[in-house]
């Protein structure tokens, strides 16, 4: 279940109009909402990196690493990339944001995770039979949306533009948020769920989404009070999450 874009937009308008402070058009809202969702999404990875450095509570619903991973999991996807010449092409995955696990689906014995290596290591280890990648211990190099897999025998038998035995888990980019509408007889905007694109964030993020949109709304209507109040609430939320 995701955050409803209509609920968020109407809440933002309600808060802005409470004291006749101003108005936010659907176009302004859509652009700001998309930016806010992206900001919250990208912060997950910084938060996860920080939480991995501190001890976690061994209690249901209190493990912050698990909670952040759950938030990111909404954006996790799985796909078999297309084999082209001597590499797998990831440019066709238009919503790719970050690569997770790369797996070699062996004919016998089940999937094997590939080790990701930097350029120098990827090529240098192949020089010695003792360290060279094998089908039991494969590796890959990821550069410029291309996945180079070693050993090359994994790719034997596949022609260009066909999926190979390699699959990837990845995190997709959030979709652009859109409050779709039709125009009524009086020129009013009426919500249209068919042409709308919902937030992809979990419902637990709804308050944060509204507050962050209000910060941008304060800039649009040039009201410092709205910015200060919303910013204060966001800072309080962040302090509570770290305490």
Protein backbone atom coordinates (compact mmCIF):
# COMPACT_ATOMS: atom_id res chain seq x y z
CA UNK A 1 0.00 0.00 0.00
CA UNK A 2 1.41 3.38 -1.03
CA UNK A 3 0.72 6.98 -0.04
CA UNK A 4 -2.30 8.40 -1.85
CA UNK A 5 -1.37 11.46 -3.93
CA UNK A 6 -4.84 12.97 -3.61
CA UNK A 7 -4.74 12.78 0.19
CA UNK A 8 -1.35 14.48 0.29
CA UNK A 9 -2.29 17.27 -2.14
CA UNK A 10 -5.55 18.07 -0.38
CA UNK A 11 -3.81 18.07 3.01
CA UNK A 12 -1.15 20.47 1.72
CA UNK A 13 -3.82 22.77 0.26
CA UNK A 14 -5.82 22.61 3.48
CA UNK A 15 -2.81 23.62 5.58
CA UNK A 16 -1.86 26.44 3.21
CA UNK A 17 -5.42 27.78 3.02
CA UNK A 18 -6.06 27.51 6.75
CA UNK A 19 -4.84 31.06 7.24
CA UNK A 20 -5.22 32.15 3.61
CA UNK A 21 -1.47 31.89 3.07
CA UNK A 22 -1.52 30.88 -0.58
CA UNK A 23 -2.17 28.20 -3.20
CA UNK A 24 -0.15 25.48 -4.90
CA UNK A 25 -1.14 24.54 -8.45
CA UNK A 26 -1.27 20.87 -9.53
CA UNK A 27 1.78 21.39 -11.75
CA UNK A 28 3.76 22.92 -8.87
CA UNK A 29 2.66 20.14 -6.57
CA UNK A 30 3.63 17.38 -9.03
CA UNK A 31 7.13 18.75 -9.51
CA UNK A 32 7.68 19.28 -5.79
CA UNK A 33 6.14 15.93 -4.81
CA UNK A 34 8.43 14.09 -7.24
CA UNK A 35 11.47 15.89 -5.80
CA UNK A 36 10.44 15.18 -2.21
CA UNK A 37 9.91 11.49 -2.90
CA UNK A 38 13.37 11.31 -4.48
CA UNK A 39 14.98 13.07 -1.51
CA UNK A 40 13.39 10.69 0.99
CA UNK A 41 14.31 7.70 -1.17
CA UNK A 42 17.99 8.70 -1.48
CA UNK A 43 18.23 9.34 2.25
CA UNK A 44 17.39 5.69 2.94
CA UNK A 45 20.85 4.63 1.77
CA UNK A 46 22.64 7.16 4.00
CA UNK A 47 20.48 6.12 6.95
CA UNK A 48 21.17 2.45 6.29
CA UNK A 49 24.92 3.09 6.13
CA UNK A 50 24.79 4.90 9.49
CA UNK A 51 22.68 2.23 11.18
CA UNK A 52 25.05 -0.53 10.08
CA UNK A 53 27.68 1.08 12.33
CA UNK A 54 25.65 0.94 15.55
CA UNK A 55 24.20 -1.96 17.60
CA UNK A 56 20.56 -2.76 16.88
CA UNK A 57 17.74 -3.67 19.26
CA UNK A 58 16.86 -7.35 19.00
CA UNK A 59 13.15 -6.61 19.29
CA UNK A 60 10.37 -6.89 16.72
CA UNK A 61 9.54 -3.56 15.04
CA UNK A 62 12.52 -1.83 16.75
CA UNK A 63 15.37 -2.94 14.48
CA UNK A 64 16.12 0.16 12.40
CA UNK A 65 18.16 -1.70 9.79
CA UNK A 66 15.18 -3.97 9.12
CA UNK A 67 12.86 -0.96 9.02
CA UNK A 68 15.01 0.89 6.46
CA UNK A 69 15.40 -2.24 4.35
CA UNK A 70 11.62 -2.59 4.36
CA UNK A 71 11.32 0.98 3.04
CA UNK A 72 13.85 0.27 0.30
CA UNK A 73 12.26 -3.10 -0.55
CA UNK A 74 9.37 -1.32 -2.27
CA UNK A 75 11.83 -0.34 -4.99
CA UNK A 76 13.63 -3.69 -5.33
CA UNK A 77 13.34 -5.48 -8.65
CA UNK A 78 14.69 -8.59 -10.40
CA UNK A 79 15.65 -8.98 -14.07
CA UNK A 80 17.68 -11.02 -16.55
CA UNK A 81 19.87 -8.55 -18.49
CA UNK A 82 20.42 -8.95 -22.22
CA UNK A 83 23.71 -10.40 -23.47
CA UNK A 84 25.47 -8.29 -26.13
CA UNK A 85 28.84 -9.39 -27.60
CA UNK A 86 31.03 -9.86 -24.51
CA UNK A 87 28.92 -8.13 -21.87
CA UNK A 88 25.42 -7.85 -20.44
CA UNK A 89 23.66 -4.61 -21.31
CA UNK A 90 21.93 -2.88 -18.37
CA UNK A 91 21.10 0.34 -20.24
CA UNK A 92 17.79 -1.22 -21.31
CA UNK A 93 16.73 -1.28 -17.65
CA UNK A 94 15.48 2.30 -17.73
CA UNK A 95 14.53 2.47 -14.04
CA UNK A 96 17.86 1.14 -12.73
CA UNK A 97 19.19 3.09 -9.72
CA UNK A 98 21.57 0.73 -7.91
CA UNK A 99 22.69 -2.83 -8.51
CA UNK A 100 22.27 -5.30 -5.70
CA UNK A 101 23.15 -8.97 -6.08
CA UNK A 102 24.34 -10.47 -9.38
CA UNK A 103 23.65 -14.19 -9.69
CA UNK A 104 24.80 -16.93 -12.05
CA UNK A 105 21.94 -19.40 -12.52
CA UNK A 106 23.90 -22.63 -12.91
CA UNK A 107 22.35 -25.53 -14.84
CA UNK A 108 23.07 -27.81 -11.88
CA UNK A 109 23.45 -26.85 -8.24
CA UNK A 110 21.38 -23.68 -8.11
CA UNK A 111 22.28 -19.97 -8.22
CA UNK A 112 25.74 -18.64 -7.32
CA UNK A 113 26.38 -15.03 -6.33
CA UNK A 114 29.08 -13.26 -8.33
CA UNK A 115 31.75 -11.20 -6.61
CA UNK A 116 31.93 -7.56 -7.69
CA UNK A 117 35.50 -6.44 -8.44
CA UNK A 118 37.11 -3.13 -9.45
CA UNK A 119 38.73 -2.93 -12.88
CA UNK A 120 42.31 -3.66 -11.76
CA UNK A 121 41.36 -6.68 -9.67
CA UNK A 122 38.94 -8.02 -12.26
CA UNK A 123 41.66 -8.33 -14.87
CA UNK A 124 44.65 -9.11 -12.65
CA UNK A 125 43.16 -12.15 -10.91
CA UNK A 126 42.59 -13.82 -14.28
CA UNK A 127 46.36 -14.03 -14.86
CA UNK A 128 46.88 -16.83 -12.37
CA UNK A 129 45.12 -20.22 -12.42
CA UNK A 130 45.03 -20.04 -8.62
CA UNK A 131 43.02 -16.81 -8.49
CA UNK A 132 41.15 -16.80 -11.81
CA UNK A 133 37.36 -16.75 -11.68
CA UNK A 134 35.57 -20.05 -12.22
CA UNK A 135 31.99 -21.11 -12.74
CA UNK A 136 31.95 -22.03 -9.05
CA UNK A 137 33.43 -18.68 -7.99
CA UNK A 138 32.50 -16.20 -10.74
CA UNK A 139 33.06 -12.42 -10.67
CA UNK A 140 31.92 -9.34 -12.54
CA UNK A 141 32.95 -5.82 -13.45
CA UNK A 142 30.28 -3.11 -13.70
CA UNK A 143 31.06 -0.03 -15.79
CA UNK A 144 29.00 2.31 -17.95
CA UNK A 145 25.81 0.22 -17.64
CA UNK A 146 27.72 -2.86 -18.79
CA UNK A 147 28.20 -6.04 -16.82
CA UNK A 148 31.34 -8.00 -17.72
CA UNK A 149 31.26 -11.53 -16.34
CA UNK A 150 34.13 -13.94 -15.76
CA UNK A 151 34.73 -16.70 -16.65
CA UNK A 152 33.60 -16.17 -20.22
CA UNK A 153 32.36 -19.77 -20.40
CA UNK A 154 29.25 -18.60 -18.55
CA UNK A 155 28.26 -16.67 -21.67
CA UNK A 156 28.93 -19.46 -24.18
CA UNK A 157 25.86 -20.45 -26.16
CA UNK A 158 24.11 -17.09 -25.95
CA UNK A 159 23.69 -14.88 -28.96
CA UNK A 160 23.31 -11.11 -29.02
CA UNK A 161 20.09 -9.61 -27.67
CA UNK A 162 19.05 -12.69 -25.71
CA UNK A 163 18.88 -13.15 -21.92
CA UNK A 164 21.71 -15.21 -20.46
CA UNK A 165 22.20 -17.17 -17.27
CA UNK A 166 22.86 -13.98 -15.33
CA UNK A 167 20.20 -12.27 -13.24
CA UNK A 168 20.40 -9.15 -11.11
CA UNK A 169 18.59 -7.72 -8.13
CA UNK A 170 18.46 -3.95 -8.30
CA UNK A 171 16.82 -0.91 -6.77
CA UNK A 172 14.68 1.07 -9.20
CA UNK A 173 14.27 4.83 -9.39
CA UNK A 174 11.05 6.20 -7.91
CA UNK A 175 8.44 7.08 -10.52
CA UNK A 176 7.42 10.71 -10.96
CA UNK A 177 4.44 11.63 -8.80
CA UNK A 178 1.41 13.07 -10.56
CA UNK A 179 -1.91 14.41 -9.29
CA UNK A 180 -4.03 13.95 -12.39
CA UNK A 181 -7.13 16.09 -12.90
CA UNK A 182 -9.92 17.21 -15.14
CA UNK A 183 -11.23 20.76 -15.34
CA UNK A 184 -14.82 21.30 -14.18
CA UNK A 185 -17.49 23.68 -15.49
CA UNK A 186 -16.36 26.38 -13.10
CA UNK A 187 -12.70 25.95 -13.96
CA UNK A 188 -12.01 23.93 -10.85
CA UNK A 189 -9.55 21.04 -10.74
CA UNK A 190 -11.16 17.64 -10.12
CA UNK A 191 -9.00 14.70 -9.09
CA UNK A 192 -8.65 11.97 -11.72
CA UNK A 193 -7.22 8.71 -10.29
CA UNK A 194 -6.85 7.19 -13.76
CA UNK A 195 -4.24 9.72 -14.91
CA UNK A 196 -2.57 10.01 -11.49
CA UNK A 197 0.64 8.37 -10.32
CA UNK A 198 0.76 7.59 -6.62
CA UNK A 199 3.70 7.95 -4.27
CA UNK A 200 5.67 4.71 -3.98
CA UNK A 201 6.79 5.34 -0.41
CA UNK A 202 5.30 3.40 2.49
CA UNK A 203 2.36 4.98 4.36
CA UNK A 204 4.62 5.58 7.39
CA UNK A 205 6.30 8.35 5.36
CA UNK A 206 3.12 10.34 4.73
CA UNK A 207 3.73 12.95 7.46
CA UNK A 208 7.30 13.51 6.27
CA UNK A 209 6.14 13.86 2.68
CA UNK A 210 3.55 16.50 3.60
CA UNK A 211 5.99 18.49 5.75
CA UNK A 212 8.70 18.50 3.08
CA UNK A 213 6.22 19.57 0.41
CA UNK A 214 5.10 22.40 2.68
CA UNK A 215 8.71 23.62 2.89
CA UNK A 216 8.82 23.95 -0.90
CA UNK A 217 5.31 25.41 -0.91
CA UNK A 218 6.54 28.11 1.47
CA UNK A 219 9.21 29.02 -1.07
CA UNK A 220 6.67 29.14 -3.89
CA UNK A 221 4.23 31.41 -2.05
CA UNK A 222 7.11 33.28 -0.39
CA UNK A 223 5.94 32.67 3.16
CA UNK A 224 8.78 32.17 5.64
CA UNK A 225 6.40 31.12 8.40
CA UNK A 226 5.33 28.02 6.47
CA UNK A 227 8.99 27.16 5.79
CA UNK A 228 10.03 27.60 9.43
CA UNK A 229 7.16 25.61 10.92
CA UNK A 230 7.50 22.70 8.45
CA UNK A 231 11.30 22.67 8.75
CA UNK A 232 11.05 22.57 12.53
CA UNK A 233 8.73 19.58 12.38
CA UNK A 234 11.04 17.74 9.98
CA UNK A 235 14.07 18.39 12.22
CA UNK A 236 12.14 17.13 15.24
CA UNK A 237 11.27 13.95 13.36
CA UNK A 238 14.91 13.38 12.45
CA UNK A 239 16.06 13.90 16.04
CA UNK A 240 13.46 11.45 17.31
CA UNK A 241 14.55 8.83 14.78
CA UNK A 242 18.16 9.07 15.96
CA UNK A 243 17.50 9.17 19.69
